[in-house]
C-alpha atoms as a PDB file:
ATOM      1  CA  UNK A   1     108.693  58.502   8.266  1.00  0.00           C
ATOM      2  CA  UNK A   2     110.318  58.248  11.348  1.00  0.00           C
ATOM      3  CA  UNK A   3     108.960  55.497  13.826  1.00  0.00           C
ATOM      4  CA  UNK A   4     111.651  54.201  16.273  1.00  0.00           C
ATOM      5  CA  UNK A   5     115.338  55.033  17.051  1.00  0.00           C
ATOM      6  CA  UNK A   6     116.485  52.512  13.982  1.00  0.00           C
ATOM      7  CA  UNK A   7     114.954  54.948  11.778  1.00  0.00           C
ATOM      8  CA  UNK A   8     116.279  58.127  13.486  1.00  0.00           C
ATOM      9  CA  UNK A   9     119.851  56.961  13.114  1.00  0.00           C
ATOM     10  CA  UNK A  10     119.616  55.971   9.341  1.00  0.00           C
ATOM     11  CA  UNK A  11     117.921  59.724   8.628  1.00  0.00           C
ATOM     12  CA  UNK A  12     120.855  61.175  10.844  1.00  0.00           C
ATOM     13  CA  UNK A  13     123.662  59.204   9.510  1.00  0.00           C
ATOM     14  CA  UNK A  14     122.354  60.342   6.256  1.00  0.00           C
ATOM     15  CA  UNK A  15     121.651  63.771   6.867  1.00  0.00           C
ATOM     16  CA  UNK A  16     125.113  64.641   9.173  1.00  0.00           C
ATOM     17  CA  UNK A  17     123.497  66.527  11.426  1.00  0.00           C
ATOM     18  CA  UNK A  18     120.081  67.692  12.956  1.00  0.00           C
ATOM     19  CA  UNK A  19     118.790  70.215  15.087  1.00  0.00           C
ATOM     20  CA  UNK A  20     117.888  68.323  18.722  1.00  0.00           C
ATOM     21  CA  UNK A  21     113.923  68.017  18.111  1.00  0.00           C
ATOM     22  CA  UNK A  22     110.933  70.048  18.422  1.00  0.00           C
ATOM     23  CA  UNK A  23     112.243  72.932  16.403  1.00  0.00           C
ATOM     24  CA  UNK A  24     113.968  73.108  12.876  1.00  0.00           C
ATOM     25  CA  UNK A  25     115.005  76.807  13.321  1.00  0.00           C
ATOM     26  CA  UNK A  26     114.748  77.030   9.647  1.00  0.00           C
ATOM     27  CA  UNK A  27     117.352  74.349   8.944  1.00  0.00           C
ATOM     28  CA  UNK A  28     116.511  71.135   9.296  1.00  0.00           C
ATOM     29  CA  UNK A  29     115.191  68.852  12.126  1.00  0.00           C
ATOM     30  CA  UNK A  30     114.703  65.258  11.884  1.00  0.00           C
ATOM     31  CA  UNK A  31     112.014  65.384  14.657  1.00  0.00           C
ATOM     32  CA  UNK A  32     110.517  68.392  13.719  1.00  0.00           C
ATOM     33  CA  UNK A  33     107.642  68.649  16.425  1.00  0.00           C
ATOM     34  CA  UNK A  34     108.249  69.072  20.437  1.00  0.00           C
ATOM     35  CA  UNK A  35     106.869  67.366  22.958  1.00  0.00           C
ATOM     36  CA  UNK A  36     103.994  69.712  23.254  1.00  0.00           C
ATOM     37  CA  UNK A  37     103.105  69.624  19.227  1.00  0.00           C
ATOM     38  CA  UNK A  38     100.936  67.210  17.147  1.00  0.00           C
ATOM     39  CA  UNK A  39     103.177  65.116  14.920  1.00  0.00           C
ATOM     40  CA  UNK A  40     102.609  65.665  11.384  1.00  0.00           C
ATOM     41  CA  UNK A  41     101.921  62.213  10.789  1.00  0.00           C
ATOM     42  CA  UNK A  42     100.533  59.150  12.668  1.00  0.00           C
ATOM     43  CA  UNK A  43     103.762  57.399  14.335  1.00  0.00           C
ATOM     44  CA  UNK A  44     104.459  56.053  17.531  1.00  0.00           C
ATOM     45  CA  UNK A  45     107.479  58.752  18.332  1.00  0.00           C
ATOM     46  CA  UNK A  46     106.313  60.460  21.299  1.00  0.00           C
ATOM     47  CA  UNK A  47     108.283  62.612  23.746  1.00  0.00           C
ATOM     48  CA  UNK A  48     108.795  61.829  27.486  1.00  0.00           C
ATOM     49  CA  UNK A  49     107.718  58.037  27.579  1.00  0.00           C
ATOM     50  CA  UNK A  50     110.743  56.875  29.041  1.00  0.00           C
ATOM     51  CA  UNK A  51     110.657  54.126  25.765  1.00  0.00           C
ATOM     52  CA  UNK A  52     114.226  53.950  24.286  1.00  0.00           C
ATOM     53  CA  UNK A  53     112.984  53.292  21.224  1.00  0.00           C
ATOM     54  CA  UNK A  54     110.204  55.709  20.465  1.00  0.00           C
ATOM     55  CA  UNK A  55     110.904  58.736  22.724  1.00  0.00           C
ATOM     56  CA  UNK A  56     113.286  61.065  21.121  1.00  0.00           C
ATOM     57  CA  UNK A  57     114.120  62.587  24.569  1.00  0.00           C
ATOM     58  CA  UNK A  58     116.038  58.876  24.986  1.00  0.00           C
ATOM     59  CA  UNK A  59     117.805  59.338  22.054  1.00  0.00           C
ATOM     60  CA  UNK A  60     120.014  62.066  23.165  1.00  0.00           C
ATOM     61  CA  UNK A  61     121.657  59.909  25.933  1.00  0.00           C
ATOM     62  CA  UNK A  62     121.794  56.743  23.354  1.00  0.00           C
ATOM     63  CA  UNK A  63     123.737  57.792  20.795  1.00  0.00           C
ATOM     64  CA  UNK A  64     126.218  58.857  23.032  1.00  0.00           C
ATOM     65  CA  UNK A  65     125.975  55.506  25.094  1.00  0.00           C
ATOM     66  CA  UNK A  66     125.978  53.409  22.269  1.00  0.00           C
ATOM     67  CA  UNK A  67     127.908  55.116  19.449  1.00  0.00           C
ATOM     68  CA  UNK A  68     131.313  56.893  18.853  1.00  0.00           C
ATOM     69  CA  UNK A  69     130.254  58.447  15.472  1.00  0.00           C
ATOM     70  CA  UNK A  70     127.642  61.125  16.995  1.00  0.00           C
ATOM     71  CA  UNK A  71     128.031  64.042  18.844  1.00  0.00           C
ATOM     72  CA  UNK A  72     125.010  65.986  20.984  1.00  0.00           C
ATOM     73  CA  UNK A  73     125.105  69.216  22.345  1.00  0.00           C
ATOM     74  CA  UNK A  74     124.244  72.697  22.169  1.00  0.00           C
ATOM     75  CA  UNK A  75     125.613  73.051  18.836  1.00  0.00           C
ATOM     76  CA  UNK A  76     123.071  75.168  16.668  1.00  0.00           C
ATOM     77  CA  UNK A  77     121.516  78.770  17.806  1.00  0.00           C
ATOM     78  CA  UNK A  78     122.404  77.870  21.333  1.00  0.00           C
ATOM     79  CA  UNK A  79     120.394  74.937  21.103  1.00  0.00           C
ATOM     80  CA  UNK A  80     120.693  71.277  21.238  1.00  0.00           C
ATOM     81  CA  UNK A  81     121.666  69.216  18.144  1.00  0.00           C
ATOM     82  CA  UNK A  82     123.495  66.230  16.524  1.00  0.00           C
ATOM     83  CA  UNK A  83     126.555  66.194  14.152  1.00  0.00           C
ATOM     84  CA  UNK A  84     128.225  62.925  13.140  1.00  0.00           C
ATOM     85  CA  UNK A  85     131.475  62.577  12.670  1.00  0.00           C
ATOM     86  CA  UNK A  86     131.478  62.531   8.873  1.00  0.00           C
ATOM     87  CA  UNK A  87     130.401  66.247   9.294  1.00  0.00           C
ATOM     88  CA  UNK A  88     132.034  67.374  12.628  1.00  0.00           C
ATOM     89  CA  UNK A  89     135.669  68.002  11.002  1.00  0.00           C
ATOM     90  CA  UNK A  90     133.722  70.675   8.793  1.00  0.00           C
ATOM     91  CA  UNK A  91     132.164  72.454  11.658  1.00  0.00           C
ATOM     92  CA  UNK A  92     135.125  72.416  13.609  1.00  0.00           C
ATOM     93  CA  UNK A  93     136.873  73.987  10.293  1.00  0.00           C
ATOM     94  CA  UNK A  94     134.265  76.441  10.296  1.00  0.00           C
ATOM     95  CA  UNK A  95     134.275  77.444  14.050  1.00  0.00           C
ATOM     96  CA  UNK A  96     137.612  76.735  15.740  1.00  0.00           C
ATOM     97  CA  UNK A  97     139.977  77.372  12.241  1.00  0.00           C
ATOM     98  CA  UNK A  98     142.422  75.171  14.047  1.00  0.00           C
ATOM     99  CA  UNK A  99     142.694  77.274  17.032  1.00  0.00           C
ATOM    100  CA  UNK A 100     143.059  75.473  20.302  1.00  0.00           C
ATOM    101  CA  UNK A 101     140.907  76.599  23.437  1.00  0.00           C
ATOM    102  CA  UNK A 102     143.893  78.643  24.993  1.00  0.00           C
ATOM    103  CA  UNK A 103     144.363  80.147  21.231  1.00  0.00           C
ATOM    104  CA  UNK A 104     140.732  81.244  21.137  1.00  0.00           C
ATOM    105  CA  UNK A 105     140.738  82.595  24.776  1.00  0.00           C
ATOM    106  CA  UNK A 106     144.210  84.653  23.829  1.00  0.00           C
ATOM    107  CA  UNK A 107     142.352  86.078  20.857  1.00  0.00           C
ATOM    108  CA  UNK A 108     139.407  87.142  23.076  1.00  0.00           C
ATOM    109  CA  UNK A 109     136.857  85.124  21.704  1.00  0.00           C
ATOM    110  CA  UNK A 110     136.260  83.080  24.644  1.00  0.00           C
ATOM    111  CA  UNK A 111     135.359  84.726  28.298  1.00  0.00           C
ATOM    112  CA  UNK A 112     137.112  83.960  31.528  1.00  0.00           C
ATOM    113  CA  UNK A 113     133.920  82.483  32.873  1.00  0.00           C
ATOM    114  CA  UNK A 114     134.520  79.760  29.862  1.00  0.00           C
ATOM    115  CA  UNK A 115     138.148  79.554  30.915  1.00  0.00           C
ATOM    116  CA  UNK A 116     137.282  78.802  34.380  1.00  0.00           C
ATOM    117  CA  UNK A 117     134.925  75.707  33.164  1.00  0.00           C
ATOM    118  CA  UNK A 118     137.223  74.385  30.304  1.00  0.00           C
ATOM    119  CA  UNK A 119     140.111  74.155  32.756  1.00  0.00           C
ATOM    120  CA  UNK A 120     138.390  71.499  34.980  1.00  0.00           C
ATOM    121  CA  UNK A 121     136.559  69.897  32.689  1.00  0.00           C
ATOM    122  CA  UNK A 122     140.024  69.731  30.430  1.00  0.00           C
ATOM    123  CA  UNK A 123     141.809  68.450  33.913  1.00  0.00           C
ATOM    124  CA  UNK A 124     139.614  65.987  34.913  1.00  0.00           C
ATOM    125  CA  UNK A 125     138.406  64.195  31.433  1.00  0.00           C
ATOM    126  CA  UNK A 126     134.998  63.724  32.275  1.00  0.00           C
ATOM    127  CA  UNK A 127     132.350  65.789  34.717  1.00  0.00           C
ATOM    128  CA  UNK A 128     128.998  65.881  35.919  1.00  0.00           C
ATOM    129  CA  UNK A 129     127.754  69.717  35.712  1.00  0.00           C
ATOM    130  CA  UNK A 130     127.516  69.540  39.615  1.00  0.00           C
ATOM    131  CA  UNK A 131     130.795  68.609  39.804  1.00  0.00           C
ATOM    132  CA  UNK A 132     132.161  71.333  37.058  1.00  0.00           C
ATOM    133  CA  UNK A 133     130.510  74.075  39.504  1.00  0.00           C
ATOM    134  CA  UNK A 134     131.935  72.798  42.622  1.00  0.00           C
ATOM    135  CA  UNK A 135     135.475  72.395  41.055  1.00  0.00           C
ATOM    136  CA  UNK A 136     135.176  75.632  39.372  1.00  0.00           C
ATOM    137  CA  UNK A 137     133.894  77.852  42.121  1.00  0.00           C
ATOM    138  CA  UNK A 138     130.489  78.531  40.992  1.00  0.00           C
ATOM    139  CA  UNK A 139     128.054  79.293  43.566  1.00  0.00           C
ATOM    140  CA  UNK A 140     123.928  79.551  43.280  1.00  0.00           C
ATOM    141  CA  UNK A 141     124.282  83.243  42.352  1.00  0.00           C
ATOM    142  CA  UNK A 142     126.673  82.075  39.430  1.00  0.00           C
ATOM    143  CA  UNK A 143     123.780  79.960  37.520  1.00  0.00           C
ATOM    144  CA  UNK A 144     123.044  82.421  34.963  1.00  0.00           C
ATOM    145  CA  UNK A 145     126.622  83.338  34.010  1.00  0.00           C
ATOM    146  CA  UNK A 146     127.615  79.522  34.109  1.00  0.00           C
ATOM    147  CA  UNK A 147     124.827  78.347  31.525  1.00  0.00           C
ATOM    148  CA  UNK A 148     125.751  81.018  29.725  1.00  0.00           C
ATOM    149  CA  UNK A 149     129.676  80.010  29.470  1.00  0.00           C
ATOM    150  CA  UNK A 150     128.738  76.222  29.364  1.00  0.00           C
ATOM    151  CA  UNK A 151     126.734  76.965  26.301  1.00  0.00           C
ATOM    152  CA  UNK A 152     129.403  79.163  24.312  1.00  0.00           C
ATOM    153  CA  UNK A 153     131.915  76.354  25.014  1.00  0.00           C
ATOM    154  CA  UNK A 154     129.576  73.934  23.402  1.00  0.00           C
ATOM    155  CA  UNK A 155     128.994  76.369  20.505  1.00  0.00           C
ATOM    156  CA  UNK A 156     132.745  76.833  20.087  1.00  0.00           C
ATOM    157  CA  UNK A 157     132.943  72.900  19.971  1.00  0.00           C
ATOM    158  CA  UNK A 158     135.467  73.100  22.535  1.00  0.00           C
ATOM    159  CA  UNK A 159     133.361  70.678  24.983  1.00  0.00           C
ATOM    160  CA  UNK A 160     130.796  68.331  24.512  1.00  0.00           C
ATOM    161  CA  UNK A 161     127.981  65.937  26.297  1.00  0.00           C
ATOM    162  CA  UNK A 162     129.614  62.592  26.403  1.00  0.00           C
ATOM    163  CA  UNK A 163     126.541  60.851  28.365  1.00  0.00           C
ATOM    164  CA  UNK A 164     124.940  61.076  31.648  1.00  0.00           C
ATOM    165  CA  UNK A 165     125.244  60.206  35.520  1.00  0.00           C
ATOM    166  CA  UNK A 166     122.460  59.423  37.874  1.00  0.00           C
ATOM    167  CA  UNK A 167     123.143  61.955  41.584  1.00  0.00           C
ATOM    168  CA  UNK A 168     124.146  60.445  44.389  1.00  0.00           C
ATOM    169  CA  UNK A 169     123.209  61.545  47.813  1.00  0.00           C
ATOM    170  CA  UNK A 170     125.788  61.950  50.409  1.00  0.00           C
ATOM    171  CA  UNK A 171     124.115  58.886  51.874  1.00  0.00           C
ATOM    172  CA  UNK A 172     125.002  57.110  48.905  1.00  0.00           C
ATOM    173  CA  UNK A 173     121.351  57.185  47.564  1.00  0.00           C
ATOM    174  CA  UNK A 174     120.240  57.761  43.726  1.00  0.00           C
ATOM    175  CA  UNK A 175     118.076  61.336  43.680  1.00  0.00           C
ATOM    176  CA  UNK A 176     116.605  63.364  41.233  1.00  0.00           C
ATOM    177  CA  UNK A 177     117.139  63.650  37.694  1.00  0.00           C
ATOM    178  CA  UNK A 178     120.459  61.983  35.442  1.00  0.00           C
ATOM    179  CA  UNK A 179     123.212  65.060  35.422  1.00  0.00           C
ATOM    180  CA  UNK A 180     124.606  65.707  32.162  1.00  0.00           C
ATOM    181  CA  UNK A 181     128.272  64.977  31.748  1.00  0.00           C
ATOM    182  CA  UNK A 182     130.583  66.800  29.723  1.00  0.00           C
ATOM    183  CA  UNK A 183     133.904  66.285  28.477  1.00  0.00           C
ATOM    184  CA  UNK A 184     136.608  68.208  25.606  1.00  0.00           C
ATOM    185  CA  UNK A 185     136.149  67.619  22.421  1.00  0.00           C
ATOM    186  CA  UNK A 186     139.338  66.563  21.999  1.00  0.00           C
ATOM    187  CA  UNK A 187     138.593  63.648  24.271  1.00  0.00           C
ATOM    188  CA  UNK A 188     135.864  62.549  22.918  1.00  0.00           C
ATOM    189  CA  UNK A 189     136.935  62.160  19.301  1.00  0.00           C
ATOM    190  CA  UNK A 190     140.061  60.376  18.082  1.00  0.00           C
ATOM    191  CA  UNK A 191     142.599  62.805  16.412  1.00  0.00           C
ATOM    192  CA  UNK A 192     142.024  61.824  13.552  1.00  0.00           C
ATOM    193  CA  UNK A 193     138.851  64.067  13.613  1.00  0.00           C
ATOM    194  CA  UNK A 194     140.864  67.175  14.252  1.00  0.00           C
ATOM    195  CA  UNK A 195     143.697  66.243  11.941  1.00  0.00           C
ATOM    196  CA  UNK A 196     141.023  66.084   8.841  1.00  0.00           C
ATOM    197  CA  UNK A 197     139.735  69.325  10.008  1.00  0.00           C
ATOM    198  CA  UNK A 198     142.861  70.801   9.997  1.00  0.00           C
ATOM    199  CA  UNK A 199     143.040  70.019   6.390  1.00  0.00           C
ATOM    200  CA  UNK A 200     139.910  71.830   5.323  1.00  0.00           C
ATOM    201  CA  UNK A 201     140.076  75.624   5.383  1.00  0.00           C
ATOM    202  CA  UNK A 202     137.236  77.971   6.790  1.00  0.00           C
ATOM    203  CA  UNK A 203     135.757  78.602   2.860  1.00  0.00           C
ATOM    204  CA  UNK A 204     135.763  75.108   2.053  1.00  0.00           C
ATOM    205  CA  UNK A 205     133.552  74.155   5.268  1.00  0.00           C
ATOM    206  CA  UNK A 206     131.213  76.506   4.985  1.00  0.00           C
ATOM    207  CA  UNK A 207     130.136  75.751   1.132  1.00  0.00           C
ATOM    208  CA  UNK A 208     130.172  72.038   2.074  1.00  0.00           C
ATOM    209  CA  UNK A 209     127.795  72.304   5.099  1.00  0.00           C
ATOM    210  CA  UNK A 210     125.563  75.184   3.359  1.00  0.00           C
ATOM    211  CA  UNK A 211     125.653  72.753   0.195  1.00  0.00           C
ATOM    212  CA  UNK A 212     124.122  69.998   2.174  1.00  0.00           C
ATOM    213  CA  UNK A 213     121.905  71.984   4.330  1.00  0.00           C
ATOM    214  CA  UNK A 214     120.158  73.222   0.861  1.00  0.00           C
ATOM    215  CA  UNK A 215     120.075  69.513   0.149  1.00  0.00           C
ATOM    216  CA  UNK A 216     118.082  68.884   3.243  1.00  0.00           C
ATOM    217  CA  UNK A 217     116.080  72.148   3.352  1.00  0.00           C
ATOM    218  CA  UNK A 218     116.219  74.149  -0.092  1.00  0.00           C
ATOM    219  CA  UNK A 219     114.473  76.705   1.122  1.00  0.00           C
ATOM    220  CA  UNK A 220     116.313  77.278   4.018  1.00  0.00           C
ATOM    221  CA  UNK A 221     117.644  81.439   4.497  1.00  0.00           C
ATOM    222  CA  UNK A 222     121.158  82.191   3.847  1.00  0.00           C
ATOM    223  CA  UNK A 223     121.222  84.240   7.024  1.00  0.00           C
ATOM    224  CA  UNK A 224     119.677  81.419   8.977  1.00  0.00           C
ATOM    225  CA  UNK A 225     122.280  79.095   6.927  1.00  0.00           C
ATOM    226  CA  UNK A 226     125.444  81.344   8.157  1.00  0.00           C
ATOM    227  CA  UNK A 227     124.049  81.379  11.639  1.00  0.00           C
ATOM    228  CA  UNK A 228     123.927  77.760  11.833  1.00  0.00           C
ATOM    229  CA  UNK A 229     127.210  77.075  10.464  1.00  0.00           C
ATOM    230  CA  UNK A 230     129.265  79.597  12.507  1.00  0.00           C
ATOM    231  CA  UNK A 231     127.066  79.493  15.486  1.00  0.00           C
END
């Protein structure tokens, strides 16, 4: 029974990872119902109310603003999800296999569009989406390619969300929705996360994550499990 943010945190830290909410995609989601769906049980949880204690939409940024042991980004099925520091090294080992972005790009597993984005984020430290587009030279006509590459980088665990920032006009006034801020995973996590990942082989990582998935959802199918793990 998830009734508030603290319940959500307890379950997430125990599970180790979760879809962002609204759809478990055959794997696992702590909040399995979306904003337009009816909860399966009586709960005060409700999407898009702005209440930081009972609105799952607010929890995405709360974990980034208030904690340093949970990552949130588009990491599963090209959709949002959470991964704790306990399990992030396993996903790193399964997906990156010890490669840096430069090595992945040289191998052809990362696109040139992704490289344009990665380079400006790595150079700047943290950047909101609008600044990434501007510095990397993306125009309105490039929106689809930009969005695909941004997701590609998150799925590859090379960049991750690290908060949000209110948009500011040229007059210095706040406007519109907050903008998502990105950084490299190397700047988001302590180096020990990557050191631990380096000690785990891809096969070992895959097996460990698979075992945890089946604990959370014994009905999960192998094809879905592999896609969830490998991206």
